[in-house]
Amino acid sequence: MKWDAGLLQWTREPENYRISEDRIEIFTQPHTDLWQRTYYHFRNDNAPVLQLSVEDKYFSFVVKAVFESKCRFDQGGVVMYLDSENWLKASVEYENEEIQRLGSVVTNDGYSDWATTDVDASIKAMWFRLSRREDDFCVENSLDGVNFKQMRICHMRHADGAVPIGIYACSPEDSSFRAVFTNMELTECRWLAHDGQAPDQED
């Protein structure tokens, strides 16, 4: 199923953006971010988020993110934002002229974590695939939109019923950049059921 731009809803609509049938551009505003409590102790919940509500309990959402980031922490990618204390995001976050952080953040009940790996700063485009199996989720990334690599599997405590999924972009420091999102698509769940060892027997 192709992405229906007419059904998208903003959480914190940015000042500067463009939406067409197959392309979304966000120009970030300085000092915008998504983070809750952990390690840094601050709570930042002011990044623009654009999402579509999906009722299916099994699906995959794919998006290509192209970014002109240039300042530390500039980021943009895929997101499932339930509320200020419960959300999941994945992006490429600018660090310096040599490296960026390809990472994901899971926030449950107001506490964030951050799982990352370093990628070269020359990378300016990344595909993301977010898959749902009931209240469990898988995030993957790809350089070509064909070969995806697993980033993480996680549980979202409050992801029952319909969930909103979409895109975000932000600049936590005094910066602004353009993030472009294309090739957005909802498909059947590409994250297959686990067929390994049997579950433990309950007493």
C-alpha atoms as a PDB file:
ATOM      1  CA  MET A   1       0.000   0.000   0.000  1.00  0.00           C
ATOM      2  CA  LYS A   2       1.407   3.374  -0.986  1.00  0.00           C
ATOM      3  CA  TRP A   3       1.770   6.090   1.617  1.00  0.00           C
ATOM      4  CA  ASP A   4      -1.276   8.412   1.648  1.00  0.00           C
ATOM      5  CA  ALA A   5       0.039  11.926   2.358  1.00  0.00           C
ATOM      6  CA  GLY A   6      -3.510  13.158   2.851  1.00  0.00           C
ATOM      7  CA  LEU A   7      -3.868  11.130   6.054  1.00  0.00           C
ATOM      8  CA  LEU A   8      -0.745  12.451   7.764  1.00  0.00           C
ATOM      9  CA  GLN A   9      -0.970  14.360  11.033  1.00  0.00           C
ATOM     10  CA  TRP A  10       1.599  16.612  12.674  1.00  0.00           C
ATOM     11  CA  THR A  11       2.741  16.537  16.242  1.00  0.00           C
ATOM     12  CA  ARG A  12       4.392  19.966  16.523  1.00  0.00           C
ATOM     13  CA  GLU A  13       4.097  21.292  12.975  1.00  0.00           C
ATOM     14  CA  PRO A  14       7.377  22.939  11.905  1.00  0.00           C
ATOM     15  CA  GLU A  15       7.605  26.448  10.483  1.00  0.00           C
ATOM     16  CA  ASN A  16       9.120  25.355   7.186  1.00  0.00           C
ATOM     17  CA  TYR A  17       8.234  22.191   5.260  1.00  0.00           C
ATOM     18  CA  ARG A  18       6.889  20.931   1.938  1.00  0.00           C
ATOM     19  CA  ILE A  19       4.619  17.957   1.280  1.00  0.00           C
ATOM     20  CA  SER A  20       3.794  16.455  -2.096  1.00  0.00           C
ATOM     21  CA  GLU A  21       2.333  13.124  -3.114  1.00  0.00           C
ATOM     22  CA  ASP A  22       5.670  11.283  -2.984  1.00  0.00           C
ATOM     23  CA  ARG A  23       8.056  13.595  -1.143  1.00  0.00           C
ATOM     24  CA  ILE A  24       8.271  15.369   2.213  1.00  0.00           C
ATOM     25  CA  GLU A  25      10.871  18.004   3.074  1.00  0.00           C
ATOM     26  CA  ILE A  26      11.435  19.283   6.595  1.00  0.00           C
ATOM     27  CA  PHE A  27      13.697  22.229   7.372  1.00  0.00           C
ATOM     28  CA  THR A  28      14.633  21.762  11.003  1.00  0.00           C
ATOM     29  CA  GLN A  29      14.523  24.433  13.655  1.00  0.00           C
ATOM     30  CA  PRO A  30      17.346  24.907  16.191  1.00  0.00           C
ATOM     31  CA  HIS A  31      17.108  23.328  19.648  1.00  0.00           C
ATOM     32  CA  THR A  32      14.535  20.670  18.693  1.00  0.00           C
ATOM     33  CA  ASP A  33      14.917  17.116  19.937  1.00  0.00           C
ATOM     34  CA  LEU A  34      13.346  13.918  21.280  1.00  0.00           C
ATOM     35  CA  TRP A  35      14.903  12.530  24.463  1.00  0.00           C
ATOM     36  CA  GLN A  36      13.705  11.520  27.920  1.00  0.00           C
ATOM     37  CA  ARG A  37      15.714  11.602  31.146  1.00  0.00           C
ATOM     38  CA  THR A  38      18.373   8.865  30.764  1.00  0.00           C
ATOM     39  CA  TYR A  39      22.004   9.881  31.320  1.00  0.00           C
ATOM     40  CA  TYR A  40      21.611  13.509  30.257  1.00  0.00           C
ATOM     41  CA  HIS A  41      18.823  13.989  32.845  1.00  0.00           C
ATOM     42  CA  PHE A  42      16.997  16.514  30.675  1.00  0.00           C
ATOM     43  CA  ARG A  43      13.695  16.002  28.864  1.00  0.00           C
ATOM     44  CA  ASN A  44      13.401  17.303  25.294  1.00  0.00           C
ATOM     45  CA  ASP A  45      10.101  16.781  23.529  1.00  0.00           C
ATOM     46  CA  ASN A  46       9.777  19.432  20.841  1.00  0.00           C
ATOM     47  CA  ALA A  47      10.802  17.799  17.543  1.00  0.00           C
ATOM     48  CA  PRO A  48       8.278  17.847  14.682  1.00  0.00           C
ATOM     49  CA  VAL A  49       6.747  14.444  13.962  1.00  0.00           C
ATOM     50  CA  LEU A  50       4.564  13.581  10.950  1.00  0.00           C
ATOM     51  CA  GLN A  51       2.629  10.309  11.195  1.00  0.00           C
ATOM     52  CA  LEU A  52      -0.136   8.089   9.925  1.00  0.00           C
ATOM     53  CA  SER A  53      -2.254   5.983  12.278  1.00  0.00           C
ATOM     54  CA  VAL A  54      -2.099   2.269  11.407  1.00  0.00           C
ATOM     55  CA  GLU A  55      -4.517  -0.240  12.901  1.00  0.00           C
ATOM     56  CA  ASP A  56      -2.868  -3.393  11.548  1.00  0.00           C
ATOM     57  CA  LYS A  57      -0.948  -5.366  14.151  1.00  0.00           C
ATOM     58  CA  TYR A  58       1.425  -6.800  11.540  1.00  0.00           C
ATOM     59  CA  PHE A  59       3.029  -4.456   9.010  1.00  0.00           C
ATOM     60  CA  SER A  60       6.261  -2.915   7.761  1.00  0.00           C
ATOM     61  CA  PHE A  61       6.819   0.757   6.997  1.00  0.00           C
ATOM     62  CA  VAL A  62       9.675   1.743   4.673  1.00  0.00           C
ATOM     63  CA  VAL A  63      11.105   5.224   4.089  1.00  0.00           C
ATOM     64  CA  LYS A  64      14.219   6.696   2.492  1.00  0.00           C
ATOM     65  CA  ALA A  65      15.772   9.620   4.374  1.00  0.00           C
ATOM     66  CA  VAL A  66      18.165  12.039   2.658  1.00  0.00           C
ATOM     67  CA  PHE A  67      19.838  14.558   4.927  1.00  0.00           C
ATOM     68  CA  GLU A  68      22.020  17.637   4.591  1.00  0.00           C
ATOM     69  CA  SER A  69      23.065  17.547   8.228  1.00  0.00           C
ATOM     70  CA  LYS A  70      26.171  19.472   9.233  1.00  0.00           C
ATOM     71  CA  CYS A  71      26.014  20.144  12.964  1.00  0.00           C
ATOM     72  CA  ARG A  72      26.409  17.785  15.917  1.00  0.00           C
ATOM     73  CA  PHE A  73      23.220  15.841  16.705  1.00  0.00           C
ATOM     74  CA  ASP A  74      21.372  16.851  13.492  1.00  0.00           C
ATOM     75  CA  GLN A  75      19.120  13.859  12.789  1.00  0.00           C
ATOM     76  CA  GLY A  76      16.119  12.599  10.874  1.00  0.00           C
ATOM     77  CA  GLY A  77      14.500   9.268  10.196  1.00  0.00           C
ATOM     78  CA  VAL A  78      11.640   6.932  11.065  1.00  0.00           C
ATOM     79  CA  VAL A  79       9.525   7.262  14.206  1.00  0.00           C
ATOM     80  CA  MET A  80       6.606   5.759  16.098  1.00  0.00           C
ATOM     81  CA  TYR A  81       5.547   8.472  18.525  1.00  0.00           C
ATOM     82  CA  LEU A  82       2.798   7.374  20.915  1.00  0.00           C
ATOM     83  CA  ASP A  83       3.136  10.224  23.405  1.00  0.00           C
ATOM     84  CA  SER A  84       5.876  12.253  25.085  1.00  0.00           C
ATOM     85  CA  GLU A  85       7.024   9.329  27.226  1.00  0.00           C
ATOM     86  CA  ASN A  86       6.596   6.409  24.815  1.00  0.00           C
ATOM     87  CA  TRP A  87       8.176   6.337  21.379  1.00  0.00           C
ATOM     88  CA  LEU A  88      10.661   4.651  19.061  1.00  0.00           C
ATOM     89  CA  LYS A  89      12.927   6.382  16.543  1.00  0.00           C
ATOM     90  CA  ALA A  90      15.812   5.474  14.228  1.00  0.00           C
ATOM     91  CA  SER A  91      18.066   7.851  12.314  1.00  0.00           C
ATOM     92  CA  VAL A  92      21.546   8.849  11.245  1.00  0.00           C
ATOM     93  CA  GLU A  93      22.824  11.482  13.664  1.00  0.00           C
ATOM     94  CA  TYR A  94      25.667  13.787  12.656  1.00  0.00           C
ATOM     95  CA  GLU A  95      28.683  13.742  14.961  1.00  0.00           C
ATOM     96  CA  ASN A  96      31.624  15.351  13.129  1.00  0.00           C
ATOM     97  CA  GLU A  97      33.337  15.486   9.732  1.00  0.00           C
ATOM     98  CA  GLU A  98      34.445  11.857  10.065  1.00  0.00           C
ATOM     99  CA  ILE A  99      31.602   9.869  11.639  1.00  0.00           C
ATOM    100  CA  GLN A 100      27.871   9.781  12.234  1.00  0.00           C
ATOM    101  CA  ARG A 101      25.794   7.644  14.598  1.00  0.00           C
ATOM    102  CA  LEU A 102      23.424   5.209  12.952  1.00  0.00           C
ATOM    103  CA  GLY A 103      21.177   4.528  15.889  1.00  0.00           C
ATOM    104  CA  SER A 104      17.814   3.883  17.442  1.00  0.00           C
ATOM    105  CA  VAL A 105      16.152   5.129  20.600  1.00  0.00           C
ATOM    106  CA  VAL A 106      13.447   3.277  22.505  1.00  0.00           C
ATOM    107  CA  THR A 107      11.558   5.260  25.123  1.00  0.00           C
ATOM    108  CA  ASN A 108       9.231   3.430  27.506  1.00  0.00           C
ATOM    109  CA  ASP A 109       7.500   5.205  30.410  1.00  0.00           C
ATOM    110  CA  GLY A 110       9.671   8.286  30.164  1.00  0.00           C
ATOM    111  CA  TYR A 111      13.162   6.752  29.918  1.00  0.00           C
ATOM    112  CA  SER A 112      15.161   6.627  26.684  1.00  0.00           C
ATOM    113  CA  ASP A 113      17.965   4.352  25.601  1.00  0.00           C
ATOM    114  CA  TRP A 114      20.254   4.798  22.597  1.00  0.00           C
ATOM    115  CA  ALA A 115      21.854   1.966  20.604  1.00  0.00           C
ATOM    116  CA  THR A 116      24.343   3.082  17.933  1.00  0.00           C
ATOM    117  CA  THR A 117      27.049   2.115  15.513  1.00  0.00           C
ATOM    118  CA  ASP A 118      29.402   4.505  13.729  1.00  0.00           C
ATOM    119  CA  VAL A 119      29.045   5.137   9.999  1.00  0.00           C
ATOM    120  CA  ASP A 120      31.057   7.369   7.697  1.00  0.00           C
ATOM    121  CA  ALA A 121      30.155  11.044   7.600  1.00  0.00           C
ATOM    122  CA  SER A 122      29.997  10.903   3.806  1.00  0.00           C
ATOM    123  CA  ILE A 123      26.733   8.914   3.969  1.00  0.00           C
ATOM    124  CA  LYS A 124      23.862  11.297   3.226  1.00  0.00           C
ATOM    125  CA  ALA A 125      21.001   8.869   2.599  1.00  0.00           C
ATOM    126  CA  MET A 126      19.602   5.885   4.471  1.00  0.00           C
ATOM    127  CA  TRP A 127      16.577   3.616   4.111  1.00  0.00           C
ATOM    128  CA  PHE A 128      14.729   2.544   7.242  1.00  0.00           C
ATOM    129  CA  ARG A 129      12.192  -0.232   7.747  1.00  0.00           C
ATOM    130  CA  LEU A 130      10.048  -0.352  10.877  1.00  0.00           C
ATOM    131  CA  SER A 131       8.070  -3.559  11.366  1.00  0.00           C
ATOM    132  CA  ARG A 132       5.370  -4.423  13.876  1.00  0.00           C
ATOM    133  CA  ARG A 133       4.286  -7.760  15.291  1.00  0.00           C
ATOM    134  CA  GLU A 134       1.598  -6.787  17.840  1.00  0.00           C
ATOM    135  CA  ASP A 135       3.464  -4.851  20.576  1.00  0.00           C
ATOM    136  CA  ASP A 136       6.951  -5.895  19.423  1.00  0.00           C
ATOM    137  CA  PHE A 137       8.931  -3.972  16.800  1.00  0.00           C
ATOM    138  CA  CYS A 138      11.956  -4.421  14.584  1.00  0.00           C
ATOM    139  CA  VAL A 139      14.021  -1.596  13.067  1.00  0.00           C
ATOM    140  CA  GLU A 140      16.275  -2.181  10.053  1.00  0.00           C
ATOM    141  CA  ASN A 141      18.398  -0.008   7.790  1.00  0.00           C
ATOM    142  CA  SER A 142      19.668  -0.226   4.221  1.00  0.00           C
ATOM    143  CA  LEU A 143      21.916   1.750   1.903  1.00  0.00           C
ATOM    144  CA  ASP A 144      20.104   0.634  -1.253  1.00  0.00           C
ATOM    145  CA  GLY A 145      16.507  -0.046  -0.196  1.00  0.00           C
ATOM    146  CA  VAL A 146      16.920  -3.750  -1.018  1.00  0.00           C
ATOM    147  CA  ASN A 147      19.321  -5.302   1.469  1.00  0.00           C
ATOM    148  CA  PHE A 148      18.228  -4.453   5.008  1.00  0.00           C
ATOM    149  CA  LYS A 149      20.216  -5.076   8.181  1.00  0.00           C
ATOM    150  CA  GLN A 150      18.686  -5.464  11.611  1.00  0.00           C
ATOM    151  CA  MET A 151      19.338  -2.626  14.038  1.00  0.00           C
ATOM    152  CA  ARG A 152      17.259  -3.765  16.982  1.00  0.00           C
ATOM    153  CA  ILE A 153      14.195  -5.626  18.237  1.00  0.00           C
ATOM    154  CA  CYS A 154      12.224  -4.079  21.072  1.00  0.00           C
ATOM    155  CA  HIS A 155       8.990  -4.183  23.035  1.00  0.00           C
ATOM    156  CA  MET A 156       6.775  -1.119  23.401  1.00  0.00           C
ATOM    157  CA  ARG A 157       4.721  -1.315  26.571  1.00  0.00           C
ATOM    158  CA  HIS A 158       1.866   0.865  25.379  1.00  0.00           C
ATOM    159  CA  ALA A 159       1.641  -0.090  21.708  1.00  0.00           C
ATOM    160  CA  ASP A 160      -1.800  -1.644  21.786  1.00  0.00           C
ATOM    161  CA  GLY A 161      -4.422  -0.964  19.159  1.00  0.00           C
ATOM    162  CA  ALA A 162      -3.647   1.501  16.381  1.00  0.00           C
ATOM    163  CA  VAL A 163      -0.156   3.013  16.377  1.00  0.00           C
ATOM    164  CA  PRO A 164       1.100   6.164  14.626  1.00  0.00           C
ATOM    165  CA  ILE A 165       4.172   5.731  12.433  1.00  0.00           C
ATOM    166  CA  GLY A 166       6.041   8.177  10.240  1.00  0.00           C
ATOM    167  CA  ILE A 167       9.018  10.518  10.083  1.00  0.00           C
ATOM    168  CA  TYR A 168      10.797  13.180  12.119  1.00  0.00           C
ATOM    169  CA  ALA A 169      13.768  15.545  11.836  1.00  0.00           C
ATOM    170  CA  CYS A 170      15.379  17.828  14.395  1.00  0.00           C
ATOM    171  CA  SER A 171      18.456  19.853  15.329  1.00  0.00           C
ATOM    172  CA  PRO A 172      19.203  19.709  19.067  1.00  0.00           C
ATOM    173  CA  GLU A 173      21.909  22.383  18.850  1.00  0.00           C
ATOM    174  CA  ASP A 174      21.894  25.813  17.175  1.00  0.00           C
ATOM    175  CA  SER A 175      21.475  24.427  13.667  1.00  0.00           C
ATOM    176  CA  SER A 176      19.077  23.915  10.780  1.00  0.00           C
ATOM    177  CA  PHE A 177      19.205  21.500   7.855  1.00  0.00           C
ATOM    178  CA  ARG A 178      16.961  19.993   5.187  1.00  0.00           C
ATOM    179  CA  ALA A 179      15.717  16.408   5.521  1.00  0.00           C
ATOM    180  CA  VAL A 180      13.971  14.812   2.545  1.00  0.00           C
ATOM    181  CA  PHE A 181      11.786  11.705   2.848  1.00  0.00           C
ATOM    182  CA  THR A 182      10.726   9.608  -0.161  1.00  0.00           C
ATOM    183  CA  ASN A 183       9.757   6.042  -1.123  1.00  0.00           C
ATOM    184  CA  MET A 184       7.362   5.763   1.812  1.00  0.00           C
ATOM    185  CA  GLU A 185       5.366   2.561   1.734  1.00  0.00           C
ATOM    186  CA  LEU A 186       3.294   0.324   3.998  1.00  0.00           C
ATOM    187  CA  THR A 187       3.600  -3.387   3.247  1.00  0.00           C
ATOM    188  CA  GLU A 188       2.809  -6.736   4.761  1.00  0.00           C
ATOM    189  CA  CYS A 189       5.066  -7.491   7.703  1.00  0.00           C
ATOM    190  CA  ARG A 190       8.551  -8.310   6.396  1.00  0.00           C
ATOM    191  CA  TRP A 191       9.687  -9.288   9.886  1.00  0.00           C
ATOM    192  CA  LEU A 192       8.883 -12.973   9.925  1.00  0.00           C
ATOM    193  CA  ALA A 193       7.706 -14.948  12.931  1.00  0.00           C
ATOM    194  CA  HIS A 194      10.451 -16.542  14.991  1.00  0.00           C
ATOM    195  CA  ASP A 195      10.970 -20.194  14.025  1.00  0.00           C
ATOM    196  CA  GLY A 196      13.868 -21.062  16.302  1.00  0.00           C
ATOM    197  CA  GLN A 197      13.764 -22.814  19.641  1.00  0.00           C
ATOM    198  CA  ALA A 198      10.452 -23.572  21.281  1.00  0.00           C
ATOM    199  CA  PRO A 199       9.336 -21.246  24.081  1.00  0.00           C
ATOM    200  CA  ASP A 200       9.948 -22.305  27.681  1.00  0.00           C
ATOM    201  CA  GLN A 201       7.288 -24.497  29.202  1.00  0.00           C
ATOM    202  CA  GLU A 202       5.271 -22.818  31.921  1.00  0.00           C
ATOM    203  CA  ASP A 203       4.879 -24.662  35.206  1.00  0.00           C
END
